[in-house]
C-alpha atoms as a PDB file:
ATOM      1  CA  MET A   1      84.871-224.078  48.019  1.00  0.00           C
ATOM      2  CA  ASN A   2      87.315-221.191  48.271  1.00  0.00           C
ATOM      3  CA  LYS A   3      87.599-218.497  50.970  1.00  0.00           C
ATOM      4  CA  ALA A   4      85.293-216.025  49.181  1.00  0.00           C
ATOM      5  CA  GLU A   5      82.581-218.660  48.761  1.00  0.00           C
ATOM      6  CA  LEU A   6      82.941-219.697  52.413  1.00  0.00           C
ATOM      7  CA  ILE A   7      82.575-216.082  53.535  1.00  0.00           C
ATOM      8  CA  GLU A   8      79.493-215.598  51.331  1.00  0.00           C
ATOM      9  CA  LYS A   9      77.729-218.751  52.564  1.00  0.00           C
ATOM     10  CA  THR A  10      78.644-218.157  56.208  1.00  0.00           C
ATOM     11  CA  ALA A  11      77.465-214.545  56.058  1.00  0.00           C
ATOM     12  CA  ALA A  12      74.122-215.662  54.620  1.00  0.00           C
ATOM     13  CA  ALA A  13      73.707-218.430  57.216  1.00  0.00           C
ATOM     14  CA  ALA A  14      74.610-216.159  60.153  1.00  0.00           C
ATOM     15  CA  GLY A  15      72.785-213.082  58.892  1.00  0.00           C
ATOM     16  CA  MET A  16      75.991-211.038  58.981  1.00  0.00           C
ATOM     17  CA  SER A  17      77.622-208.794  56.412  1.00  0.00           C
ATOM     18  CA  LYS A  18      80.304-210.269  54.165  1.00  0.00           C
ATOM     19  CA  LYS A  19      82.788-207.693  55.478  1.00  0.00           C
ATOM     20  CA  ASP A  20      82.238-208.692  59.124  1.00  0.00           C
ATOM     21  CA  THR A  21      82.272-212.388  58.255  1.00  0.00           C
ATOM     22  CA  GLY A  22      85.514-211.962  56.301  1.00  0.00           C
ATOM     23  CA  ALA A  23      87.124-210.158  59.228  1.00  0.00           C
ATOM     24  CA  LEU A  24      85.953-212.882  61.607  1.00  0.00           C
ATOM     25  CA  LEU A  25      87.293-215.665  59.368  1.00  0.00           C
ATOM     26  CA  THR A  26      90.638-213.893  58.958  1.00  0.00           C
ATOM     27  CA  ALA A  27      90.939-213.422  62.737  1.00  0.00           C
ATOM     28  CA  LEU A  28      90.034-217.076  63.336  1.00  0.00           C
ATOM     29  CA  LEU A  29      92.642-218.323  60.864  1.00  0.00           C
ATOM     30  CA  ASP A  30      95.279-215.965  62.294  1.00  0.00           C
ATOM     31  CA  GLU A  31      94.658-217.241  65.827  1.00  0.00           C
ATOM     32  CA  MET A  32      94.705-220.879  64.713  1.00  0.00           C
ATOM     33  CA  THR A  33      97.979-220.268  62.859  1.00  0.00           C
ATOM     34  CA  ALA A  34      99.538-218.556  65.886  1.00  0.00           C
ATOM     35  CA  ALA A  35      98.530-221.468  68.141  1.00  0.00           C
ATOM     36  CA  LEU A  36     100.004-224.038  65.739  1.00  0.00           C
ATOM     37  CA  VAL A  37     103.238-222.050  65.389  1.00  0.00           C
ATOM     38  CA  ALA A  38     103.468-222.026  69.203  1.00  0.00           C
ATOM     39  CA  GLY A  39     103.180-225.825  69.176  1.00  0.00           C
ATOM     40  CA  GLU A  40      99.643-225.953  70.538  1.00  0.00           C
ATOM     41  CA  LYS A  41      96.942-228.335  69.351  1.00  0.00           C
ATOM     42  CA  VAL A  42      93.772-226.662  68.020  1.00  0.00           C
ATOM     43  CA  GLN A  43      90.593-228.624  68.770  1.00  0.00           C
ATOM     44  CA  LEU A  44      87.177-227.776  67.362  1.00  0.00           C
ATOM     45  CA  VAL A  45      84.910-230.241  69.150  1.00  0.00           C
ATOM     46  CA  GLY A  46      82.837-232.255  66.698  1.00  0.00           C
ATOM     47  CA  PHE A  47      84.700-230.928  63.665  1.00  0.00           C
ATOM     48  CA  GLY A  48      88.257-232.068  64.326  1.00  0.00           C
ATOM     49  CA  SER A  49      91.704-231.153  65.562  1.00  0.00           C
ATOM     50  CA  PHE A  50      94.825-229.682  64.012  1.00  0.00           C
ATOM     51  CA  GLU A  51      98.339-230.295  65.319  1.00  0.00           C
ATOM     52  CA  VAL A  52     101.913-229.910  64.164  1.00  0.00           C
ATOM     53  CA  LYS A  53     103.752-233.154  63.421  1.00  0.00           C
ATOM     54  CA  THR A  54     107.472-233.493  62.800  1.00  0.00           C
ATOM     55  CA  LYS A  55     108.785-235.689  60.004  1.00  0.00           C
ATOM     56  CA  ALA A  56     112.210-237.115  60.815  1.00  0.00           C
ATOM     57  CA  ALA A  57     115.211-236.553  58.560  1.00  0.00           C
ATOM     58  CA  ARG A  58     115.677-239.373  56.088  1.00  0.00           C
ATOM     59  CA  THR A  59     117.609-240.532  53.056  1.00  0.00           C
ATOM     60  CA  GLY A  60     115.880-240.393  49.678  1.00  0.00           C
ATOM     61  CA  ILE A  61     116.811-241.003  46.065  1.00  0.00           C
ATOM     62  CA  ASN A  62     116.822-238.372  43.324  1.00  0.00           C
ATOM     63  CA  PRO A  63     114.853-240.117  40.532  1.00  0.00           C
ATOM     64  CA  ALA A  64     116.659-238.183  37.791  1.00  0.00           C
ATOM     65  CA  THR A  65     120.193-239.099  38.872  1.00  0.00           C
ATOM     66  CA  LEU A  66     119.513-242.074  41.186  1.00  0.00           C
ATOM     67  CA  GLN A  67     121.832-240.456  43.745  1.00  0.00           C
ATOM     68  CA  GLU A  68     121.045-240.652  47.426  1.00  0.00           C
ATOM     69  CA  ILE A  69     120.098-237.337  49.002  1.00  0.00           C
ATOM     70  CA  GLU A  70     119.482-236.301  52.583  1.00  0.00           C
ATOM     71  CA  ILE A  71     115.980-234.996  53.214  1.00  0.00           C
ATOM     72  CA  PRO A  72     116.002-232.706  56.281  1.00  0.00           C
ATOM     73  CA  GLU A  73     113.552-232.854  59.174  1.00  0.00           C
ATOM     74  CA  SER A  74     110.338-230.950  58.455  1.00  0.00           C
ATOM     75  CA  LYS A  75     107.106-229.951  60.156  1.00  0.00           C
ATOM     76  CA  THR A  76     103.596-230.354  58.785  1.00  0.00           C
ATOM     77  CA  VAL A  77     100.048-229.804  60.000  1.00  0.00           C
ATOM     78  CA  ALA A  78      97.940-232.899  60.600  1.00  0.00           C
ATOM     79  CA  PHE A  79      94.133-232.853  60.726  1.00  0.00           C
ATOM     80  CA  LYS A  80      92.055-235.505  62.452  1.00  0.00           C
ATOM     81  CA  ALA A  81      88.305-235.399  61.812  1.00  0.00           C
ATOM     82  CA  GLY A  82      85.976-235.318  64.819  1.00  0.00           C
ATOM     83  CA  LYS A  83      83.074-237.661  65.478  1.00  0.00           C
ATOM     84  CA  PHE A  84      80.365-235.318  64.121  1.00  0.00           C
ATOM     85  CA  LEU A  85      82.258-234.728  60.852  1.00  0.00           C
ATOM     86  CA  LYS A  86      82.991-238.440  60.426  1.00  0.00           C
ATOM     87  CA  GLU A  87      79.304-239.263  60.856  1.00  0.00           C
ATOM     88  CA  LYS A  88      78.291-236.680  58.257  1.00  0.00           C
ATOM     89  CA  LEU A  89      80.739-238.071  55.711  1.00  0.00           C
END
């Protein structure tokens, strides 16, 4: 399911216009993004939680040249499913 399909199905389920639903979804995603950038954890009870995790710097190997390379520290978003979602799956 892509964003347009999600907007269409949510609008139908909520009895809202696609335009209003799209604006709501965009605002929701913007606020979630801002919270994650600020280092906050975003919890949607029953659905799950999103948080930023840091991967430590490490040494890797370039498979083409077999030379060791340094992989810098990086950040990624982790999702942990909530109880309700786990039960549905």
